[in-house]
Amino acid sequence: MIICSCAVITDHDIERALLEILDKPNAPLPTPGVVYKHLEKKMVCCGCSALAVETIYNKMEKLAETGVVCPYACACAQGRLLKCADGTHAMRLIETALANRGSPRRSAAATSELAPA
C-alpha cells in the first residue's frame, strides 16, 4: 500500500526501515521523520504523516508479534509514539485500527511506564 505518494513510500518500505532502525543499539524513536530519513526520502507536503504514524505503529506490533524484533523494544517505541501522537489525527487513526482488530486502546498514560526514563 502506498503511504506517501510524494516520496513514493510503501508500507513494505516502512517495515524494512523499521527492521533496520530497531535493530540498532540505542535505536531512535521511529517517527515518520526518522523512517523517511532512513529511506533517504523527504516529507514534501506532510499529508501522509498521520497515516505514516499509524503504519509505523501497526508494523511495530506485527514485528513484535512475529518475534522478528524484540517485543519489549517495540512496546517501548509504541508507548513513546502514542505519547507523541496523543491528541492528533494520527492518534485517531491508531485508535480506529486498534478498535477494528479488537485490541484494547493503549493510552499515552498507560504506556508511558513502558518507556525508559
PDB file of N, CA and C in Angstrom:
ATOM      1  N   MET A   1       0.848  -1.174   0.000  1.00  0.00           N
ATOM      2  CA  MET A   1       0.000   0.000   0.000  1.00  0.00           C
ATOM      3  C   MET A   1       0.897   1.241   0.000  1.00  0.00           C
ATOM      4  N   ILE A   2       0.549   2.233  -0.789  1.00  0.00           N
ATOM      5  CA  ILE A   2       1.292   3.490  -0.837  1.00  0.00           C
ATOM      6  C   ILE A   2       0.944   4.306   0.410  1.00  0.00           C
ATOM      7  N   ILE A   3       1.952   4.714   1.142  1.00  0.00           N
ATOM      8  CA  ILE A   3       1.761   5.553   2.331  1.00  0.00           C
ATOM      9  C   ILE A   3       1.985   7.012   1.970  1.00  0.00           C
ATOM     10  N   CYS A   4       3.017   7.271   1.165  1.00  0.00           N
ATOM     11  CA  CYS A   4       3.338   8.633   0.748  1.00  0.00           C
ATOM     12  C   CYS A   4       3.507   8.657  -0.761  1.00  0.00           C
ATOM     13  N   SER A   5       2.598   9.330  -1.433  1.00  0.00           N
ATOM     14  CA  SER A   5       2.695   9.384  -2.891  1.00  0.00           C
ATOM     15  C   SER A   5       3.726  10.404  -3.347  1.00  0.00           C
ATOM     16  N   CYS A   6       4.023  11.399  -2.523  1.00  0.00           N
ATOM     17  CA  CYS A   6       5.040  12.399  -2.889  1.00  0.00           C
ATOM     18  C   CYS A   6       6.428  11.756  -2.970  1.00  0.00           C
ATOM     19  N   ALA A   7       6.772  10.965  -1.946  1.00  0.00           N
ATOM     20  CA  ALA A   7       8.097  10.343  -1.870  1.00  0.00           C
ATOM     21  C   ALA A   7       8.081   8.889  -2.347  1.00  0.00           C
ATOM     22  N   VAL A   8       6.924   8.398  -2.736  1.00  0.00           N
ATOM     23  CA  VAL A   8       6.720   7.017  -3.184  1.00  0.00           C
ATOM     24  C   VAL A   8       7.260   6.037  -2.139  1.00  0.00           C
ATOM     25  N   ILE A   9       6.581   6.018  -0.999  1.00  0.00           N
ATOM     26  CA  ILE A   9       6.935   5.126   0.112  1.00  0.00           C
ATOM     27  C   ILE A   9       5.749   4.204   0.369  1.00  0.00           C
ATOM     28  N   THR A  10       6.047   2.903   0.452  1.00  0.00           N
ATOM     29  CA  THR A  10       5.003   1.916   0.704  1.00  0.00           C
ATOM     30  C   THR A  10       5.098   1.411   2.142  1.00  0.00           C
ATOM     31  N   ASP A  11       4.084   0.647   2.542  1.00  0.00           N
ATOM     32  CA  ASP A  11       4.118   0.049   3.868  1.00  0.00           C
ATOM     33  C   ASP A  11       5.262  -0.959   3.971  1.00  0.00           C
ATOM     34  N   HIS A  12       5.627  -1.588   2.875  1.00  0.00           N
ATOM     35  CA  HIS A  12       6.758  -2.528   2.876  1.00  0.00           C
ATOM     36  C   HIS A  12       8.081  -1.789   3.094  1.00  0.00           C
ATOM     37  N   ASP A  13       8.198  -0.585   2.518  1.00  0.00           N
ATOM     38  CA  ASP A  13       9.388   0.238   2.741  1.00  0.00           C
ATOM     39  C   ASP A  13       9.505   0.597   4.218  1.00  0.00           C
ATOM     40  N   ILE A  14       8.374   0.946   4.825  1.00  0.00           N
ATOM     41  CA  ILE A  14       8.372   1.313   6.238  1.00  0.00           C
ATOM     42  C   ILE A  14       8.751   0.111   7.096  1.00  0.00           C
ATOM     43  N   GLU A  15       8.219  -1.060   6.773  1.00  0.00           N
ATOM     44  CA  GLU A  15       8.551  -2.265   7.538  1.00  0.00           C
ATOM     45  C   GLU A  15      10.050  -2.579   7.447  1.00  0.00           C
ATOM     46  N   ARG A  16      10.598  -2.480   6.252  1.00  0.00           N
ATOM     47  CA  ARG A  16      12.031  -2.739   6.057  1.00  0.00           C
ATOM     48  C   ARG A  16      12.870  -1.731   6.855  1.00  0.00           C
ATOM     49  N   ALA A  17      12.473  -0.463   6.811  1.00  0.00           N
ATOM     50  CA  ALA A  17      13.192   0.569   7.557  1.00  0.00           C
ATOM     51  C   ALA A  17      13.103   0.313   9.063  1.00  0.00           C
ATOM     52  N   LEU A  18      11.933  -0.091   9.543  1.00  0.00           N
ATOM     53  CA  LEU A  18      11.772  -0.379  10.974  1.00  0.00           C
ATOM     54  C   LEU A  18      12.677  -1.524  11.406  1.00  0.00           C
ATOM     55  N   LEU A  19      12.778  -2.551  10.589  1.00  0.00           N
ATOM     56  CA  LEU A  19      13.671  -3.667  10.914  1.00  0.00           C
ATOM     57  C   LEU A  19      15.102  -3.176  11.090  1.00  0.00           C
ATOM     58  N   GLU A  20      15.538  -2.321  10.194  1.00  0.00           N
ATOM     59  CA  GLU A  20      16.908  -1.810  10.256  1.00  0.00           C
ATOM     60  C   GLU A  20      17.092  -0.821  11.408  1.00  0.00           C
ATOM     61  N   ILE A  21      16.109   0.043  11.629  1.00  0.00           N
ATOM     62  CA  ILE A  21      16.211   1.049  12.696  1.00  0.00           C
ATOM     63  C   ILE A  21      16.180   0.386  14.064  1.00  0.00           C
ATOM     64  N   LEU A  22      15.204  -0.506  14.291  1.00  0.00           N
ATOM     65  CA  LEU A  22      15.041  -1.120  15.606  1.00  0.00           C
ATOM     66  C   LEU A  22      16.128  -2.148  15.912  1.00  0.00           C
ATOM     67  N   ASP A  23      16.896  -2.540  14.917  1.00  0.00           N
ATOM     68  CA  ASP A  23      17.990  -3.483  15.122  1.00  0.00           C
ATOM     69  C   ASP A  23      19.246  -2.801  15.675  1.00  0.00           C
ATOM     70  N   LYS A  24      19.264  -1.472  15.601  1.00  0.00           N
ATOM     71  CA  LYS A  24      20.431  -0.721  16.065  1.00  0.00           C
ATOM     72  C   LYS A  24      20.423  -0.619  17.591  1.00  0.00           C
ATOM     73  N   PRO A  25      21.624  -0.619  18.209  1.00  0.00           N
ATOM     74  CA  PRO A  25      21.664  -0.332  19.643  1.00  0.00           C
ATOM     75  C   PRO A  25      21.258   1.126  19.859  1.00  0.00           C
ATOM     76  N   ASN A  26      20.544   1.372  20.916  1.00  0.00           N
ATOM     77  CA  ASN A  26      20.031   2.721  21.211  1.00  0.00           C
ATOM     78  C   ASN A  26      19.235   3.285  20.035  1.00  0.00           C
ATOM     79  N   ALA A  27      18.340   2.466  19.514  1.00  0.00           N
ATOM     80  CA  ALA A  27      17.536   2.863  18.355  1.00  0.00           C
ATOM     81  C   ALA A  27      16.722   4.110  18.664  1.00  0.00           C
ATOM     82  N   PRO A  28      16.651   5.045  17.712  1.00  0.00           N
ATOM     83  CA  PRO A  28      15.825   6.234  17.913  1.00  0.00           C
ATOM     84  C   PRO A  28      14.343   5.878  17.821  1.00  0.00           C
ATOM     85  N   LEU A  29      13.498   6.738  18.330  1.00  0.00           N
ATOM     86  CA  LEU A  29      12.059   6.564  18.193  1.00  0.00           C
ATOM     87  C   LEU A  29      11.720   6.635  16.705  1.00  0.00           C
ATOM     88  N   PRO A  30      11.105   5.599  16.144  1.00  0.00           N
ATOM     89  CA  PRO A  30      10.857   5.594  14.700  1.00  0.00           C
ATOM     90  C   PRO A  30       9.662   6.468  14.308  1.00  0.00           C
ATOM     91  N   THR A  31       9.873   7.759  14.327  1.00  0.00           N
ATOM     92  CA  THR A  31       8.855   8.699  13.865  1.00  0.00           C
ATOM     93  C   THR A  31       8.883   8.718  12.336  1.00  0.00           C
ATOM     94  N   PRO A  32       7.874   9.311  11.701  1.00  0.00           N
ATOM     95  CA  PRO A  32       7.927   9.402  10.246  1.00  0.00           C
ATOM     96  C   PRO A  32       9.217  10.076   9.751  1.00  0.00           C
ATOM     97  N   GLY A  33       9.665  11.115  10.434  1.00  0.00           N
ATOM     98  CA  GLY A  33      10.894  11.797  10.023  1.00  0.00           C
ATOM     99  C   GLY A  33      12.105  10.883  10.063  1.00  0.00           C
ATOM    100  N   VAL A  34      12.218  10.081  11.121  1.00  0.00           N
ATOM    101  CA  VAL A  34      13.337   9.146  11.247  1.00  0.00           C
ATOM    102  C   VAL A  34      13.257   8.069  10.162  1.00  0.00           C
ATOM    103  N   VAL A  35      12.064   7.544   9.947  1.00  0.00           N
ATOM    104  CA  VAL A  35      11.888   6.496   8.942  1.00  0.00           C
ATOM    105  C   VAL A  35      12.163   7.042   7.542  1.00  0.00           C
ATOM    106  N   TYR A  36      11.628   8.219   7.225  1.00  0.00           N
ATOM    107  CA  TYR A  36      11.844   8.798   5.899  1.00  0.00           C
ATOM    108  C   TYR A  36      13.329   9.092   5.688  1.00  0.00           C
ATOM    109  N   LYS A  37      13.995   9.616   6.705  1.00  0.00           N
ATOM    110  CA  LYS A  37      15.429   9.898   6.592  1.00  0.00           C
ATOM    111  C   LYS A  37      16.200   8.597   6.363  1.00  0.00           C
ATOM    112  N   HIS A  38      15.817   7.546   7.068  1.00  0.00           N
ATOM    113  CA  HIS A  38      16.472   6.248   6.884  1.00  0.00           C
ATOM    114  C   HIS A  38      16.301   5.749   5.447  1.00  0.00           C
ATOM    115  N   LEU A  39      15.144   6.032   4.871  1.00  0.00           N
ATOM    116  CA  LEU A  39      14.870   5.627   3.486  1.00  0.00           C
ATOM    117  C   LEU A  39      15.455   6.612   2.470  1.00  0.00           C
ATOM    118  N   GLU A  40      16.150   7.634   2.980  1.00  0.00           N
ATOM    119  CA  GLU A  40      16.737   8.688   2.147  1.00  0.00           C
ATOM    120  C   GLU A  40      15.673   9.405   1.321  1.00  0.00           C
ATOM    121  N   LYS A  41      14.548   9.678   1.982  1.00  0.00           N
ATOM    122  CA  LYS A  41      13.432  10.412   1.371  1.00  0.00           C
ATOM    123  C   LYS A  41      13.130  11.623   2.245  1.00  0.00           C
ATOM    124  N   LYS A  42      12.372  12.554   1.707  1.00  0.00           N
ATOM    125  CA  LYS A  42      11.959  13.731   2.458  1.00  0.00           C
ATOM    126  C   LYS A  42      10.449  13.868   2.388  1.00  0.00           C
ATOM    127  N   MET A  43       9.876  14.341   3.498  1.00  0.00           N
ATOM    128  CA  MET A  43       8.450  14.632   3.501  1.00  0.00           C
ATOM    129  C   MET A  43       8.259  15.922   2.701  1.00  0.00           C
ATOM    130  N   VAL A  44       7.286  15.904   1.804  1.00  0.00           N
ATOM    131  CA  VAL A  44       7.067  17.069   0.955  1.00  0.00           C
ATOM    132  C   VAL A  44       5.883  17.882   1.484  1.00  0.00           C
ATOM    133  N   CYS A  45       4.708  17.307   1.440  1.00  0.00           N
ATOM    134  CA  CYS A  45       3.515  18.055   1.851  1.00  0.00           C
ATOM    135  C   CYS A  45       3.073  17.706   3.272  1.00  0.00           C
ATOM    136  N   CYS A  46       3.589  16.635   3.822  1.00  0.00           N
ATOM    137  CA  CYS A  46       3.275  16.133   5.170  1.00  0.00           C
ATOM    138  C   CYS A  46       1.836  15.642   5.316  1.00  0.00           C
ATOM    139  N   GLY A  47       1.123  15.510   4.222  1.00  0.00           N
ATOM    140  CA  GLY A  47      -0.234  14.990   4.271  1.00  0.00           C
ATOM    141  C   GLY A  47      -0.297  13.527   4.681  1.00  0.00           C
ATOM    142  N   CYS A  48       0.815  12.839   4.561  1.00  0.00           N
ATOM    143  CA  CYS A  48       0.870  11.411   4.882  1.00  0.00           C
ATOM    144  C   CYS A  48       1.296  11.144   6.322  1.00  0.00           C
ATOM    145  N   SER A  49       1.618  12.178   7.080  1.00  0.00           N
ATOM    146  CA  SER A  49       2.222  11.956   8.398  1.00  0.00           C
ATOM    147  C   SER A  49       1.338  11.135   9.338  1.00  0.00           C
ATOM    148  N   ALA A  50       0.040  11.392   9.357  1.00  0.00           N
ATOM    149  CA  ALA A  50      -0.845  10.621  10.239  1.00  0.00           C
ATOM    150  C   ALA A  50      -0.896   9.149   9.812  1.00  0.00           C
ATOM    151  N   LEU A  51      -0.999   8.897   8.522  1.00  0.00           N
ATOM    152  CA  LEU A  51      -1.016   7.525   8.021  1.00  0.00           C
ATOM    153  C   LEU A  51       0.332   6.850   8.268  1.00  0.00           C
ATOM    154  N   ALA A  52       1.412   7.611   8.152  1.00  0.00           N
ATOM    155  CA  ALA A  52       2.749   7.058   8.414  1.00  0.00           C
ATOM    156  C   ALA A  52       2.874   6.637   9.874  1.00  0.00           C
ATOM    157  N   VAL A  53       2.380   7.458  10.796  1.00  0.00           N
ATOM    158  CA  VAL A  53       2.430   7.110  12.226  1.00  0.00           C
ATOM    159  C   VAL A  53       1.623   5.838  12.478  1.00  0.00           C
ATOM    160  N   GLU A  54       0.422   5.768  11.918  1.00  0.00           N
ATOM    161  CA  GLU A  54      -0.412   4.579  12.094  1.00  0.00           C
ATOM    162  C   GLU A  54       0.290   3.339  11.532  1.00  0.00           C
ATOM    163  N   THR A  55       0.885   3.472  10.355  1.00  0.00           N
ATOM    164  CA  THR A  55       1.573   2.343   9.721  1.00  0.00           C
ATOM    165  C   THR A  55       2.774   1.905  10.543  1.00  0.00           C
ATOM    166  N   ILE A  56       3.545   2.860  11.028  1.00  0.00           N
ATOM    167  CA  ILE A  56       4.711   2.546  11.870  1.00  0.00           C
ATOM    168  C   ILE A  56       4.252   1.800  13.113  1.00  0.00           C
ATOM    169  N   TYR A  57       3.214   2.286  13.770  1.00  0.00           N
ATOM    170  CA  TYR A  57       2.695   1.660  14.984  1.00  0.00           C
ATOM    171  C   TYR A  57       2.255   0.224  14.692  1.00  0.00           C
ATOM    172  N   ASN A  58       1.469   0.055  13.638  1.00  0.00           N
ATOM    173  CA  ASN A  58       0.955  -1.283  13.288  1.00  0.00           C
ATOM    174  C   ASN A  58       2.066  -2.234  12.873  1.00  0.00           C
ATOM    175  N   LYS A  59       3.033  -1.744  12.116  1.00  0.00           N
ATOM    176  CA  LYS A  59       4.147  -2.597  11.691  1.00  0.00           C
ATOM    177  C   LYS A  59       4.997  -3.017  12.885  1.00  0.00           C
ATOM    178  N   MET A  60       5.195  -2.116  13.857  1.00  0.00           N
ATOM    179  CA  MET A  60       5.952  -2.494  15.057  1.00  0.00           C
ATOM    180  C   MET A  60       5.227  -3.596  15.809  1.00  0.00           C
ATOM    181  N   GLU A  61       3.906  -3.483  15.899  1.00  0.00           N
ATOM    182  CA  GLU A  61       3.121  -4.510  16.580  1.00  0.00           C
ATOM    183  C   GLU A  61       3.265  -5.860  15.865  1.00  0.00           C
ATOM    184  N   LYS A  62       3.191  -5.843  14.541  1.00  0.00           N
ATOM    185  CA  LYS A  62       3.330  -7.069  13.750  1.00  0.00           C
ATOM    186  C   LYS A  62       4.724  -7.676  13.930  1.00  0.00           C
ATOM    187  N   LEU A  63       5.757  -6.847  13.894  1.00  0.00           N
ATOM    188  CA  LEU A  63       7.128  -7.335  14.048  1.00  0.00           C
ATOM    189  C   LEU A  63       7.350  -7.937  15.432  1.00  0.00           C
ATOM    190  N   ALA A  64       6.742  -7.348  16.453  1.00  0.00           N
ATOM    191  CA  ALA A  64       6.872  -7.878  17.820  1.00  0.00           C
ATOM    192  C   ALA A  64       6.122  -9.200  17.956  1.00  0.00           C
ATOM    193  N   GLU A  65       4.909  -9.268  17.397  1.00  0.00           N
ATOM    194  CA  GLU A  65       4.107 -10.490  17.496  1.00  0.00           C
ATOM    195  C   GLU A  65       4.777 -11.671  16.811  1.00  0.00           C
ATOM    196  N   THR A  66       5.458 -11.412  15.709  1.00  0.00           N
ATOM    197  CA  THR A  66       6.119 -12.491  14.984  1.00  0.00           C
ATOM    198  C   THR A  66       7.500 -12.806  15.536  1.00  0.00           C
ATOM    199  N   GLY A  67       7.969 -12.006  16.482  1.00  0.00           N
ATOM    200  CA  GLY A  67       9.264 -12.251  17.108  1.00  0.00           C
ATOM    201  C   GLY A  67      10.456 -11.803  16.285  1.00  0.00           C
ATOM    202  N   VAL A  68      10.206 -11.048  15.229  1.00  0.00           N
ATOM    203  CA  VAL A  68      11.292 -10.566  14.374  1.00  0.00           C
ATOM    204  C   VAL A  68      12.092  -9.478  15.086  1.00  0.00           C
ATOM    205  N   VAL A  69      11.396  -8.672  15.877  1.00  0.00           N
ATOM    206  CA  VAL A  69      12.019  -7.596  16.655  1.00  0.00           C
ATOM    207  C   VAL A  69      11.637  -7.810  18.108  1.00  0.00           C
ATOM    208  N   CYS A  70      12.510  -7.444  19.004  1.00  0.00           N
ATOM    209  CA  CYS A  70      12.269  -7.599  20.442  1.00  0.00           C
ATOM    210  C   CYS A  70      10.931  -6.965  20.834  1.00  0.00           C
ATOM    211  N   PRO A  71      10.018  -7.748  21.411  1.00  0.00           N
ATOM    212  CA  PRO A  71       8.716  -7.204  21.809  1.00  0.00           C
ATOM    213  C   PRO A  71       8.836  -6.049  22.804  1.00  0.00           C
ATOM    214  N   TYR A  72       9.818  -6.110  23.707  1.00  0.00           N
ATOM    215  CA  TYR A  72       9.992  -5.019  24.674  1.00  0.00           C
ATOM    216  C   TYR A  72      10.391  -3.732  23.959  1.00  0.00           C
ATOM    217  N   ALA A  73      11.308  -3.835  23.018  1.00  0.00           N
ATOM    218  CA  ALA A  73      11.741  -2.646  22.268  1.00  0.00           C
ATOM    219  C   ALA A  73      10.563  -2.037  21.508  1.00  0.00           C
ATOM    220  N   CYS A  74       9.745  -2.897  20.908  1.00  0.00           N
ATOM    221  CA  CYS A  74       8.571  -2.401  20.180  1.00  0.00           C
ATOM    222  C   CYS A  74       7.558  -1.770  21.120  1.00  0.00           C
ATOM    223  N   ALA A  75       7.326  -2.383  22.274  1.00  0.00           N
ATOM    224  CA  ALA A  75       6.371  -1.836  23.239  1.00  0.00           C
ATOM    225  C   ALA A  75       6.829  -0.469  23.727  1.00  0.00           C
ATOM    226  N   CYS A  76       8.122  -0.338  23.995  1.00  0.00           N
ATOM    227  CA  CYS A  76       8.663   0.961  24.422  1.00  0.00           C
ATOM    228  C   CYS A  76       8.473   2.011  23.332  1.00  0.00           C
ATOM    229  N   ALA A  77       8.824   1.642  22.109  1.00  0.00           N
ATOM    230  CA  ALA A  77       8.696   2.575  20.993  1.00  0.00           C
ATOM    231  C   ALA A  77       7.234   2.924  20.740  1.00  0.00           C
ATOM    232  N   GLN A  78       6.347   1.928  20.832  1.00  0.00           N
ATOM    233  CA  GLN A  78       4.925   2.199  20.628  1.00  0.00           C
ATOM    234  C   GLN A  78       4.396   3.150  21.702  1.00  0.00           C
ATOM    235  N   GLY A  79       4.802   2.942  22.931  1.00  0.00           N
ATOM    236  CA  GLY A  79       4.365   3.823  24.012  1.00  0.00           C
ATOM    237  C   GLY A  79       4.819   5.247  23.789  1.00  0.00           C
ATOM    238  N   ARG A  80       6.061   5.400  23.390  1.00  0.00           N
ATOM    239  CA  ARG A  80       6.593   6.739  23.128  1.00  0.00           C
ATOM    240  C   ARG A  80       5.913   7.360  21.916  1.00  0.00           C
ATOM    241  N   LEU A  81       5.624   6.547  20.895  1.00  0.00           N
ATOM    242  CA  LEU A  81       4.946   7.047  19.704  1.00  0.00           C
ATOM    243  C   LEU A  81       3.519   7.488  20.043  1.00  0.00           C
ATOM    244  N   LEU A  82       2.828   6.712  20.870  1.00  0.00           N
ATOM    245  CA  LEU A  82       1.477   7.105  21.298  1.00  0.00           C
ATOM    246  C   LEU A  82       1.508   8.409  22.080  1.00  0.00           C
ATOM    247  N   LYS A  83       2.499   8.559  22.918  1.00  0.00           N
ATOM    248  CA  LYS A  83       2.620   9.785  23.709  1.00  0.00           C
ATOM    249  C   LYS A  83       2.798  10.991  22.789  1.00  0.00           C
ATOM    250  N   CYS A  84       3.601  10.832  21.742  1.00  0.00           N
ATOM    251  CA  CYS A  84       3.811  11.916  20.774  1.00  0.00           C
ATOM    252  C   CYS A  84       2.561  12.180  19.939  1.00  0.00           C
ATOM    253  N   ALA A  85       1.806  11.127  19.649  1.00  0.00           N
ATOM    254  CA  ALA A  85       0.624  11.252  18.777  1.00  0.00           C
ATOM    255  C   ALA A  85      -0.621  11.674  19.542  1.00  0.00           C
ATOM    256  N   ASP A  86      -0.582  11.666  20.864  1.00  0.00           N
ATOM    257  CA  ASP A  86      -1.767  11.951  21.674  1.00  0.00           C
ATOM    258  C   ASP A  86      -2.418  13.273  21.265  1.00  0.00           C
ATOM    259  N   GLY A  87      -3.709  13.213  20.970  1.00  0.00           N
ATOM    260  CA  GLY A  87      -4.479  14.403  20.623  1.00  0.00           C
ATOM    261  C   GLY A  87      -4.375  14.810  19.161  1.00  0.00           C
ATOM    262  N   THR A  88      -3.735  13.992  18.325  1.00  0.00           N
ATOM    263  CA  THR A  88      -3.579  14.326  16.912  1.00  0.00           C
ATOM    264  C   THR A  88      -4.428  13.405  16.044  1.00  0.00           C
ATOM    265  N   HIS A  89      -4.469  13.726  14.771  1.00  0.00           N
ATOM    266  CA  HIS A  89      -5.195  12.881  13.815  1.00  0.00           C
ATOM    267  C   HIS A  89      -4.567  11.490  13.755  1.00  0.00           C
ATOM    268  N   ALA A  90      -3.262  11.421  13.922  1.00  0.00           N
ATOM    269  CA  ALA A  90      -2.579  10.122  13.906  1.00  0.00           C
ATOM    270  C   ALA A  90      -3.111   9.225  15.021  1.00  0.00           C
ATOM    271  N   MET A  91      -3.372   9.801  16.188  1.00  0.00           N
ATOM    272  CA  MET A  91      -3.889   9.016  17.312  1.00  0.00           C
ATOM    273  C   MET A  91      -5.266   8.463  16.991  1.00  0.00           C
ATOM    274  N   ARG A  92      -6.093   9.258  16.320  1.00  0.00           N
ATOM    275  CA  ARG A  92      -7.426   8.774  15.939  1.00  0.00           C
ATOM    276  C   ARG A  92      -7.310   7.606  14.958  1.00  0.00           C
ATOM    277  N   LEU A  93      -6.354   7.661  14.031  1.00  0.00           N
ATOM    278  CA  LEU A  93      -6.153   6.553  13.097  1.00  0.00           C
ATOM    279  C   LEU A  93      -5.689   5.298  13.829  1.00  0.00           C
ATOM    280  N   ILE A  94      -4.774   5.469  14.774  1.00  0.00           N
ATOM    281  CA  ILE A  94      -4.285   4.330  15.549  1.00  0.00           C
ATOM    282  C   ILE A  94      -5.423   3.711  16.348  1.00  0.00           C
ATOM    283  N   GLU A  95      -6.230   4.552  17.009  1.00  0.00           N
ATOM    284  CA  GLU A  95      -7.354   4.049  17.800  1.00  0.00           C
ATOM    285  C   GLU A  95      -8.352   3.303  16.931  1.00  0.00           C
ATOM    286  N   THR A  96      -8.619   3.810  15.725  1.00  0.00           N
ATOM    287  CA  THR A  96      -9.538   3.145  14.808  1.00  0.00           C
ATOM    288  C   THR A  96      -8.999   1.782  14.409  1.00  0.00           C
ATOM    289  N   ALA A  97      -7.703   1.719  14.095  1.00  0.00           N
ATOM    290  CA  ALA A  97      -7.094   0.442  13.711  1.00  0.00           C
ATOM    291  C   ALA A  97      -7.145  -0.555  14.863  1.00  0.00           C
ATOM    292  N   LEU A  98      -6.869  -0.093  16.075  1.00  0.00           N
ATOM    293  CA  LEU A  98      -6.923  -0.972  17.239  1.00  0.00           C
ATOM    294  C   LEU A  98      -8.346  -1.462  17.488  1.00  0.00           C
ATOM    295  N   ALA A  99      -9.322  -0.576  17.330  1.00  0.00           N
ATOM    296  CA  ALA A  99     -10.724  -0.955  17.546  1.00  0.00           C
ATOM    297  C   ALA A  99     -11.170  -1.978  16.509  1.00  0.00           C
ATOM    298  N   ASN A 100     -10.726  -1.821  15.272  1.00  0.00           N
ATOM    299  CA  ASN A 100     -11.094  -2.765  14.219  1.00  0.00           C
ATOM    300  C   ASN A 100     -10.510  -4.149  14.464  1.00  0.00           C
ATOM    301  N   ARG A 101      -9.375  -4.225  15.143  1.00  0.00           N
ATOM    302  CA  ARG A 101      -8.759  -5.509  15.450  1.00  0.00           C
ATOM    303  C   ARG A 101      -9.261  -6.065  16.772  1.00  0.00           C
ATOM    304  N   GLY A 102      -9.976  -5.230  17.533  1.00  0.00           N
ATOM    305  CA  GLY A 102     -10.452  -5.675  18.826  1.00  0.00           C
ATOM    306  C   GLY A 102      -9.403  -5.572  19.912  1.00  0.00           C
ATOM    307  N   SER A 103      -8.308  -4.864  19.617  1.00  0.00           N
ATOM    308  CA  SER A 103      -7.259  -4.681  20.612  1.00  0.00           C
ATOM    309  C   SER A 103      -7.663  -3.584  21.583  1.00  0.00           C
ATOM    310  N   PRO A 104      -7.259  -3.715  22.840  1.00  0.00           N
ATOM    311  CA  PRO A 104      -7.559  -2.645  23.788  1.00  0.00           C
ATOM    312  C   PRO A 104      -6.762  -1.405  23.444  1.00  0.00           C
ATOM    313  N   ARG A 105      -7.361  -0.238  23.661  1.00  0.00           N
ATOM    314  CA  ARG A 105      -6.668   1.025  23.398  1.00  0.00           C
ATOM    315  C   ARG A 105      -5.579   1.212  24.432  1.00  0.00           C
ATOM    316  N   ARG A 106      -4.432   1.593  23.954  1.00  0.00           N
ATOM    317  CA  ARG A 106      -3.327   1.901  24.851  1.00  0.00           C
ATOM    318  C   ARG A 106      -3.182   3.406  24.892  1.00  0.00           C
ATOM    319  N   SER A 107      -3.548   3.991  26.006  1.00  0.00           N
ATOM    320  CA  SER A 107      -3.416   5.431  26.116  1.00  0.00           C
ATOM    321  C   SER A 107      -1.964   5.789  26.347  1.00  0.00           C
ATOM    322  N   ALA A 108      -1.630   7.033  26.081  1.00  0.00           N
ATOM    323  CA  ALA A 108      -0.256   7.502  26.296  1.00  0.00           C
ATOM    324  C   ALA A 108       0.114   7.358  27.761  1.00  0.00           C
ATOM    325  N   ALA A 109      -0.832   7.617  28.645  1.00  0.00           N
ATOM    326  CA  ALA A 109      -0.553   7.492  30.076  1.00  0.00           C
ATOM    327  C   ALA A 109      -0.307   6.048  30.465  1.00  0.00           C
ATOM    328  N   ALA A 110      -1.073   5.136  29.891  1.00  0.00           N
ATOM    329  CA  ALA A 110      -0.940   3.718  30.239  1.00  0.00           C
ATOM    330  C   ALA A 110       0.356   3.120  29.720  1.00  0.00           C
ATOM    331  N   THR A 111       0.874   3.664  28.639  1.00  0.00           N
ATOM    332  CA  THR A 111       2.101   3.106  28.076  1.00  0.00           C
ATOM    333  C   THR A 111       3.340   3.881  28.466  1.00  0.00           C
ATOM    334  N   SER A 112       3.179   4.986  29.155  1.00  0.00           N
ATOM    335  CA  SER A 112       4.342   5.795  29.495  1.00  0.00           C
ATOM    336  C   SER A 112       5.296   5.066  30.435  1.00  0.00           C
ATOM    337  N   GLU A 113       4.770   4.141  31.239  1.00  0.00           N
ATOM    338  CA  GLU A 113       5.650   3.400  32.126  1.00  0.00           C
ATOM    339  C   GLU A 113       6.504   2.383  31.358  1.00  0.00           C
ATOM    340  N   LEU A 114       6.131   2.101  30.091  1.00  0.00           N
ATOM    341  CA  LEU A 114       6.944   1.187  29.294  1.00  0.00           C
ATOM    342  C   LEU A 114       8.211   1.853  28.786  1.00  0.00           C
ATOM    343  N   ALA A 115       8.130   3.168  28.562  1.00  0.00           N
ATOM    344  CA  ALA A 115       9.281   3.871  28.015  1.00  0.00           C
ATOM    345  C   ALA A 115      10.315   4.117  29.106  1.00  0.00           C
ATOM    346  N   PRO A 116      11.587   3.917  28.773  1.00  0.00           N
ATOM    347  CA  PRO A 116      12.623   4.173  29.763  1.00  0.00           C
ATOM    348  C   PRO A 116      12.702   5.659  30.083  1.00  0.00           C
ATOM    349  N   ALA A 117      13.026   5.942  31.321  1.00  0.00           N
ATOM    350  CA  ALA A 117      13.094   7.343  31.760  1.00  0.00           C
ATOM    351  C   ALA A 117      14.312   8.037  31.216  1.00  0.00           C
TER     352      ALA A 117
END
